[in-house]
Amino acid sequence: MDLDGQIQLGHLLLQDRKCRVCGEIKNLVDGFYRTRKDRGSVASSYSYECKECCKKRVKKSRKQKPDILYDYPDW
């Protein structure tokens, strides 16, 4: 990352956002994933679901592997 970009975007480091799922208020840059990379680093380019809630949602919606152990025939 270039230092000039960080200095220009310093106002984002102080912004907080409320997660729509858990309702907690977290730092915009550290607590939320970025969804749009082409618009720069404006507040609208970050998701409204925090990183922890996103991880929980993905883990919950993953397809579970069956616990069936296939027995090969005894020859």
PDB file of N, CA and C in Angstrom:
ATOM      1  N   MET A   1       0.839  -1.180   0.000  1.00  0.00           N
ATOM      2  CA  MET A   1       0.000   0.000   0.000  1.00  0.00           C
ATOM      3  C   MET A   1       0.884   1.244   0.000  1.00  0.00           C
ATOM      4  N   ASP A   2       0.436   2.235  -0.692  1.00  0.00           N
ATOM      5  CA  ASP A   2       1.204   3.470  -0.709  1.00  0.00           C
ATOM      6  C   ASP A   2       0.787   4.355   0.458  1.00  0.00           C
ATOM      7  N   LEU A   3       1.751   5.066   0.983  1.00  0.00           N
ATOM      8  CA  LEU A   3       1.521   5.902   2.160  1.00  0.00           C
ATOM      9  C   LEU A   3       0.607   7.076   1.849  1.00  0.00           C
ATOM     10  N   ASP A   4       0.676   7.610   0.625  1.00  0.00           N
ATOM     11  CA  ASP A   4      -0.181   8.738   0.254  1.00  0.00           C
ATOM     12  C   ASP A   4      -1.653   8.345   0.292  1.00  0.00           C
ATOM     13  N   GLY A   5      -1.961   7.130  -0.142  1.00  0.00           N
ATOM     14  CA  GLY A   5      -3.346   6.669  -0.118  1.00  0.00           C
ATOM     15  C   GLY A   5      -3.872   6.535   1.294  1.00  0.00           C
ATOM     16  N   GLN A   6      -3.033   6.111   2.207  1.00  0.00           N
ATOM     17  CA  GLN A   6      -3.459   5.964   3.589  1.00  0.00           C
ATOM     18  C   GLN A   6      -3.686   7.319   4.246  1.00  0.00           C
ATOM     19  N   ILE A   7      -2.854   8.282   3.914  1.00  0.00           N
ATOM     20  CA  ILE A   7      -3.001   9.617   4.509  1.00  0.00           C
ATOM     21  C   ILE A   7      -4.287  10.265   4.017  1.00  0.00           C
ATOM     22  N   GLN A   8      -4.600  10.110   2.743  1.00  0.00           N
ATOM     23  CA  GLN A   8      -5.820  10.693   2.198  1.00  0.00           C
ATOM     24  C   GLN A   8      -7.059  10.008   2.754  1.00  0.00           C
ATOM     25  N   LEU A   9      -6.934   8.762   3.139  1.00  0.00           N
ATOM     26  CA  LEU A   9      -8.076   8.013   3.634  1.00  0.00           C
ATOM     27  C   LEU A   9      -8.094   7.935   5.148  1.00  0.00           C
ATOM     28  N   GLY A  10      -7.382   8.810   5.807  1.00  0.00           N
ATOM     29  CA  GLY A  10      -7.305   8.780   7.257  1.00  0.00           C
ATOM     30  C   GLY A  10      -8.633   8.992   7.945  1.00  0.00           C
ATOM     31  N   HIS A  11      -9.561   9.671   7.282  1.00  0.00           N
ATOM     32  CA  HIS A  11     -10.865   9.900   7.902  1.00  0.00           C
ATOM     33  C   HIS A  11     -11.662   8.605   8.041  1.00  0.00           C
ATOM     34  N   LEU A  12     -11.359   7.601   7.252  1.00  0.00           N
ATOM     35  CA  LEU A  12     -12.072   6.328   7.348  1.00  0.00           C
ATOM     36  C   LEU A  12     -11.711   5.546   8.602  1.00  0.00           C
ATOM     37  N   LEU A  13     -10.532   5.762   9.118  1.00  0.00           N
ATOM     38  CA  LEU A  13     -10.094   5.000  10.272  1.00  0.00           C
ATOM     39  C   LEU A  13     -10.917   5.310  11.519  1.00  0.00           C
ATOM     40  N   LEU A  14     -11.587   6.442  11.526  1.00  0.00           N
ATOM     41  CA  LEU A  14     -12.361   6.837  12.691  1.00  0.00           C
ATOM     42  C   LEU A  14     -13.841   6.526  12.539  1.00  0.00           C
ATOM     43  N   GLN A  15     -14.255   6.026  11.386  1.00  0.00           N
ATOM     44  CA  GLN A  15     -15.666   5.745  11.182  1.00  0.00           C
ATOM     45  C   GLN A  15     -16.031   4.381  11.741  1.00  0.00           C
ATOM     46  N   ASP A  16     -17.204   4.316  12.306  1.00  0.00           N
ATOM     47  CA  ASP A  16     -17.728   3.065  12.826  1.00  0.00           C
ATOM     48  C   ASP A  16     -19.013   2.739  12.079  1.00  0.00           C
ATOM     49  N   ARG A  17     -19.337   1.466  12.095  1.00  0.00           N
ATOM     50  CA  ARG A  17     -20.557   1.018  11.445  1.00  0.00           C
ATOM     51  C   ARG A  17     -21.209  -0.038  12.318  1.00  0.00           C
ATOM     52  N   LYS A  18     -22.528  -0.063  12.301  1.00  0.00           N
ATOM     53  CA  LYS A  18     -23.290  -1.048  13.061  1.00  0.00           C
ATOM     54  C   LYS A  18     -23.574  -2.243  12.162  1.00  0.00           C
ATOM     55  N   CYS A  19     -23.255  -3.434  12.653  1.00  0.00           N
ATOM     56  CA  CYS A  19     -23.501  -4.663  11.901  1.00  0.00           C
ATOM     57  C   CYS A  19     -24.998  -4.923  11.845  1.00  0.00           C
ATOM     58  N   ARG A  20     -25.506  -5.292  10.680  1.00  0.00           N
ATOM     59  CA  ARG A  20     -26.934  -5.556  10.530  1.00  0.00           C
ATOM     60  C   ARG A  20     -27.351  -6.867  11.174  1.00  0.00           C
ATOM     61  N   VAL A  21     -26.413  -7.779  11.384  1.00  0.00           N
ATOM     62  CA  VAL A  21     -26.749  -9.095  11.913  1.00  0.00           C
ATOM     63  C   VAL A  21     -26.684  -9.107  13.432  1.00  0.00           C
ATOM     64  N   CYS A  22     -25.526  -8.748  13.996  1.00  0.00           N
ATOM     65  CA  CYS A  22     -25.356  -8.837  15.448  1.00  0.00           C
ATOM     66  C   CYS A  22     -25.655  -7.527  16.162  1.00  0.00           C
ATOM     67  N   GLY A  23     -25.662  -6.406  15.453  1.00  0.00           N
ATOM     68  CA  GLY A  23     -25.989  -5.127  16.049  1.00  0.00           C
ATOM     69  C   GLY A  23     -24.841  -4.436  16.764  1.00  0.00           C
ATOM     70  N   GLU A  24     -23.647  -5.007  16.727  1.00  0.00           N
ATOM     71  CA  GLU A  24     -22.493  -4.393  17.381  1.00  0.00           C
ATOM     72  C   GLU A  24     -21.918  -3.287  16.506  1.00  0.00           C
ATOM     73  N   ILE A  25     -21.368  -2.275  17.143  1.00  0.00           N
ATOM     74  CA  ILE A  25     -20.715  -1.183  16.419  1.00  0.00           C
ATOM     75  C   ILE A  25     -19.230  -1.487  16.384  1.00  0.00           C
ATOM     76  N   LYS A  26     -18.675  -1.544  15.164  1.00  0.00           N
ATOM     77  CA  LYS A  26     -17.266  -1.899  14.982  1.00  0.00           C
ATOM     78  C   LYS A  26     -16.609  -0.921  14.028  1.00  0.00           C
ATOM     79  N   ASN A  27     -15.293  -0.930  14.040  1.00  0.00           N
ATOM     80  CA  ASN A  27     -14.513  -0.085  13.147  1.00  0.00           C
ATOM     81  C   ASN A  27     -14.761  -0.517  11.711  1.00  0.00           C
ATOM     82  N   LEU A  28     -14.948   0.436  10.840  1.00  0.00           N
ATOM     83  CA  LEU A  28     -15.285   0.150   9.448  1.00  0.00           C
ATOM     84  C   LEU A  28     -14.173  -0.602   8.735  1.00  0.00           C
ATOM     85  N   VAL A  29     -12.938  -0.188   8.916  1.00  0.00           N
ATOM     86  CA  VAL A  29     -11.824  -0.782   8.179  1.00  0.00           C
ATOM     87  C   VAL A  29     -11.447  -2.151   8.747  1.00  0.00           C
ATOM     88  N   ASP A  30     -11.407  -2.272  10.058  1.00  0.00           N
ATOM     89  CA  ASP A  30     -10.963  -3.511  10.684  1.00  0.00           C
ATOM     90  C   ASP A  30     -12.074  -4.536  10.854  1.00  0.00           C
ATOM     91  N   GLY A  31     -13.318  -4.111  10.978  1.00  0.00           N
ATOM     92  CA  GLY A  31     -14.394  -5.018  11.323  1.00  0.00           C
ATOM     93  C   GLY A  31     -15.253  -5.482  10.168  1.00  0.00           C
ATOM     94  N   PHE A  32     -15.094  -4.898   8.977  1.00  0.00           N
ATOM     95  CA  PHE A  32     -15.957  -5.232   7.844  1.00  0.00           C
ATOM     96  C   PHE A  32     -15.126  -5.542   6.610  1.00  0.00           C
ATOM     97  N   TYR A  33     -15.648  -6.452   5.785  1.00  0.00           N
ATOM     98  CA  TYR A  33     -14.980  -6.783   4.525  1.00  0.00           C
ATOM     99  C   TYR A  33     -15.276  -5.728   3.484  1.00  0.00           C
ATOM    100  N   ARG A  34     -14.335  -5.544   2.596  1.00  0.00           N
ATOM    101  CA  ARG A  34     -14.509  -4.625   1.485  1.00  0.00           C
ATOM    102  C   ARG A  34     -15.195  -5.359   0.348  1.00  0.00           C
ATOM    103  N   THR A  35     -16.228  -4.771  -0.233  1.00  0.00           N
ATOM    104  CA  THR A  35     -16.978  -5.444  -1.293  1.00  0.00           C
ATOM    105  C   THR A  35     -16.697  -4.892  -2.678  1.00  0.00           C
ATOM    106  N   ARG A  36     -16.377  -3.631  -2.770  1.00  0.00           N
ATOM    107  CA  ARG A  36     -16.112  -3.021  -4.080  1.00  0.00           C
ATOM    108  C   ARG A  36     -14.710  -2.442  -4.097  1.00  0.00           C
ATOM    109  N   LYS A  37     -13.882  -2.962  -4.962  1.00  0.00           N
ATOM    110  CA  LYS A  37     -12.510  -2.495  -5.024  1.00  0.00           C
ATOM    111  C   LYS A  37     -12.332  -1.366  -6.036  1.00  0.00           C
ATOM    112  N   ASP A  38     -13.276  -1.196  -6.933  1.00  0.00           N
ATOM    113  CA  ASP A  38     -13.125  -0.209  -7.991  1.00  0.00           C
ATOM    114  C   ASP A  38     -13.517   1.200  -7.564  1.00  0.00           C
ATOM    115  N   ARG A  39     -14.229   1.357  -6.470  1.00  0.00           N
ATOM    116  CA  ARG A  39     -14.691   2.683  -6.063  1.00  0.00           C
ATOM    117  C   ARG A  39     -13.757   3.391  -5.103  1.00  0.00           C
ATOM    118  N   GLY A  40     -12.628   2.837  -4.835  1.00  0.00           N
ATOM    119  CA  GLY A  40     -11.737   3.450  -3.865  1.00  0.00           C
ATOM    120  C   GLY A  40     -12.120   3.014  -2.474  1.00  0.00           C
ATOM    121  N   SER A  41     -11.791   3.782  -1.505  1.00  0.00           N
ATOM    122  CA  SER A  41     -12.076   3.407  -0.123  1.00  0.00           C
ATOM    123  C   SER A  41     -13.093   4.355   0.496  1.00  0.00           C
ATOM    124  N   VAL A  42     -14.271   4.352  -0.033  1.00  0.00           N
ATOM    125  CA  VAL A  42     -15.351   5.129   0.565  1.00  0.00           C
ATOM    126  C   VAL A  42     -16.167   4.198   1.438  1.00  0.00           C
ATOM    127  N   ALA A  43     -16.970   4.752   2.306  1.00  0.00           N
ATOM    128  CA  ALA A  43     -17.726   3.942   3.264  1.00  0.00           C
ATOM    129  C   ALA A  43     -18.690   2.980   2.581  1.00  0.00           C
ATOM    130  N   SER A  44     -19.187   3.338   1.409  1.00  0.00           N
ATOM    131  CA  SER A  44     -20.146   2.468   0.732  1.00  0.00           C
ATOM    132  C   SER A  44     -19.486   1.245   0.107  1.00  0.00           C
ATOM    133  N   SER A  45     -18.177   1.184   0.081  1.00  0.00           N
ATOM    134  CA  SER A  45     -17.513   0.029  -0.518  1.00  0.00           C
ATOM    135  C   SER A  45     -17.264  -1.084   0.503  1.00  0.00           C
ATOM    136  N   TYR A  46     -17.769  -0.935   1.719  1.00  0.00           N
ATOM    137  CA  TYR A  46     -17.636  -1.956   2.751  1.00  0.00           C
ATOM    138  C   TYR A  46     -18.995  -2.604   2.997  1.00  0.00           C
ATOM    139  N   SER A  47     -18.975  -3.875   3.384  1.00  0.00           N
ATOM    140  CA  SER A  47     -20.216  -4.600   3.611  1.00  0.00           C
ATOM    141  C   SER A  47     -20.911  -4.111   4.876  1.00  0.00           C
ATOM    142  N   TYR A  48     -22.166  -4.507   5.044  1.00  0.00           N
ATOM    143  CA  TYR A  48     -22.931  -4.135   6.234  1.00  0.00           C
ATOM    144  C   TYR A  48     -22.980  -5.274   7.246  1.00  0.00           C
ATOM    145  N   GLU A  49     -22.273  -6.365   6.949  1.00  0.00           N
ATOM    146  CA  GLU A  49     -22.194  -7.516   7.837  1.00  0.00           C
ATOM    147  C   GLU A  49     -20.745  -7.628   8.304  1.00  0.00           C
ATOM    148  N   CYS A  50     -20.515  -7.705   9.612  1.00  0.00           N
ATOM    149  CA  CYS A  50     -19.149  -7.733  10.122  1.00  0.00           C
ATOM    150  C   CYS A  50     -18.459  -9.042   9.758  1.00  0.00           C
ATOM    151  N   LYS A  51     -17.152  -9.071   9.904  1.00  0.00           N
ATOM    152  CA  LYS A  51     -16.362 -10.227   9.519  1.00  0.00           C
ATOM    153  C   LYS A  51     -16.757 -11.475  10.299  1.00  0.00           C
ATOM    154  N   GLU A  52     -17.008 -11.332  11.589  1.00  0.00           N
ATOM    155  CA  GLU A  52     -17.352 -12.496  12.409  1.00  0.00           C
ATOM    156  C   GLU A  52     -18.691 -13.087  11.990  1.00  0.00           C
ATOM    157  N   CYS A  53     -19.684 -12.247  11.737  1.00  0.00           N
ATOM    158  CA  CYS A  53     -20.998 -12.730  11.314  1.00  0.00           C
ATOM    159  C   CYS A  53     -20.914 -13.377   9.932  1.00  0.00           C
ATOM    160  N   CYS A  54     -20.080 -12.834   9.071  1.00  0.00           N
ATOM    161  CA  CYS A  54     -19.895 -13.406   7.742  1.00  0.00           C
ATOM    162  C   CYS A  54     -19.281 -14.795   7.848  1.00  0.00           C
ATOM    163  N   LYS A  55     -18.297 -14.956   8.711  1.00  0.00           N
ATOM    164  CA  LYS A  55     -17.663 -16.262   8.898  1.00  0.00           C
ATOM    165  C   LYS A  55     -18.657 -17.274   9.444  1.00  0.00           C
ATOM    166  N   LYS A  56     -19.483 -16.853  10.409  1.00  0.00           N
ATOM    167  CA  LYS A  56     -20.493 -17.750  10.976  1.00  0.00           C
ATOM    168  C   LYS A  56     -21.504 -18.174   9.914  1.00  0.00           C
ATOM    169  N   ARG A  57     -21.939 -17.222   9.071  1.00  0.00           N
ATOM    170  CA  ARG A  57     -22.920 -17.509   8.032  1.00  0.00           C
ATOM    171  C   ARG A  57     -22.375 -18.500   7.014  1.00  0.00           C
ATOM    172  N   VAL A  58     -21.121 -18.315   6.627  1.00  0.00           N
ATOM    173  CA  VAL A  58     -20.518 -19.207   5.633  1.00  0.00           C
ATOM    174  C   VAL A  58     -20.332 -20.605   6.207  1.00  0.00           C
ATOM    175  N   LYS A  59     -19.888 -20.699   7.456  1.00  0.00           N
ATOM    176  CA  LYS A  59     -19.714 -22.010   8.086  1.00  0.00           C
ATOM    177  C   LYS A  59     -21.049 -22.735   8.220  1.00  0.00           C
ATOM    178  N   LYS A  60     -22.094 -21.987   8.543  1.00  0.00           N
ATOM    179  CA  LYS A  60     -23.407 -22.591   8.737  1.00  0.00           C
ATOM    180  C   LYS A  60     -24.000 -23.073   7.411  1.00  0.00           C
ATOM    181  N   SER A  61     -23.748 -22.348   6.333  1.00  0.00           N
ATOM    182  CA  SER A  61     -24.361 -22.686   5.052  1.00  0.00           C
ATOM    183  C   SER A  61     -23.549 -23.683   4.229  1.00  0.00           C
ATOM    184  N   ARG A  62     -22.362 -24.033   4.693  1.00  0.00           N
ATOM    185  CA  ARG A  62     -21.553 -25.010   3.957  1.00  0.00           C
ATOM    186  C   ARG A  62     -22.213 -26.373   3.977  1.00  0.00           C
ATOM    187  N   LYS A  63     -21.997 -27.085   2.914  1.00  0.00           N
ATOM    188  CA  LYS A  63     -22.526 -28.429   2.833  1.00  0.00           C
ATOM    189  C   LYS A  63     -21.716 -29.335   3.754  1.00  0.00           C
ATOM    190  N   GLN A  64     -22.409 -30.094   4.569  1.00  0.00           N
ATOM    191  CA  GLN A  64     -21.745 -30.980   5.508  1.00  0.00           C
ATOM    192  C   GLN A  64     -21.328 -32.272   4.812  1.00  0.00           C
ATOM    193  N   LYS A  65     -20.154 -32.740   5.148  1.00  0.00           N
ATOM    194  CA  LYS A  65     -19.679 -34.004   4.607  1.00  0.00           C
ATOM    195  C   LYS A  65     -20.365 -35.138   5.370  1.00  0.00           C
ATOM    196  N   PRO A  66     -20.774 -36.169   4.674  1.00  0.00           N
ATOM    197  CA  PRO A  66     -21.411 -37.284   5.386  1.00  0.00           C
ATOM    198  C   PRO A  66     -20.394 -38.027   6.249  1.00  0.00           C
ATOM    199  N   ASP A  67     -20.862 -38.493   7.379  1.00  0.00           N
ATOM    200  CA  ASP A  67     -19.989 -39.210   8.307  1.00  0.00           C
ATOM    201  C   ASP A  67     -20.013 -40.720   8.053  1.00  0.00           C
ATOM    202  N   ILE A  68     -20.473 -41.110   6.895  1.00  0.00           N
ATOM    203  CA  ILE A  68     -20.574 -42.522   6.583  1.00  0.00           C
ATOM    204  C   ILE A  68     -19.207 -43.037   6.128  1.00  0.00           C
ATOM    205  N   LEU A  69     -18.758 -44.076   6.771  1.00  0.00           N
ATOM    206  CA  LEU A  69     -17.517 -44.721   6.357  1.00  0.00           C
ATOM    207  C   LEU A  69     -17.892 -45.914   5.490  1.00  0.00           C
ATOM    208  N   TYR A  70     -17.421 -45.871   4.278  1.00  0.00           N
ATOM    209  CA  TYR A  70     -17.746 -46.961   3.356  1.00  0.00           C
ATOM    210  C   TYR A  70     -16.844 -48.145   3.643  1.00  0.00           C
ATOM    211  N   ASP A  71     -17.442 -49.301   3.867  1.00  0.00           N
ATOM    212  CA  ASP A  71     -16.699 -50.525   4.113  1.00  0.00           C
ATOM    213  C   ASP A  71     -16.509 -51.253   2.803  1.00  0.00           C
ATOM    214  N   TYR A  72     -15.272 -51.556   2.553  1.00  0.00           N
ATOM    215  CA  TYR A  72     -14.988 -52.373   1.383  1.00  0.00           C
ATOM    216  C   TYR A  72     -15.317 -53.827   1.689  1.00  0.00           C
ATOM    217  N   PRO A  73     -15.694 -54.577   0.695  1.00  0.00           N
ATOM    218  CA  PRO A  73     -16.024 -55.975   0.964  1.00  0.00           C
ATOM    219  C   PRO A  73     -14.824 -56.754   1.479  1.00  0.00           C
ATOM    220  N   ASP A  74     -15.087 -57.640   2.378  1.00  0.00           N
ATOM    221  CA  ASP A  74     -14.040 -58.480   2.930  1.00  0.00           C
ATOM    222  C   ASP A  74     -13.786 -59.639   1.967  1.00  0.00           C
ATOM    223  N   TRP A  75     -12.662 -59.684   1.380  1.00  0.00           N
ATOM    224  CA  TRP A  75     -12.376 -60.685   0.357  1.00  0.00           C
ATOM    225  C   TRP A  75     -11.749 -61.839   0.997  1.00  0.00           C
TER     226      TRP A  75
END
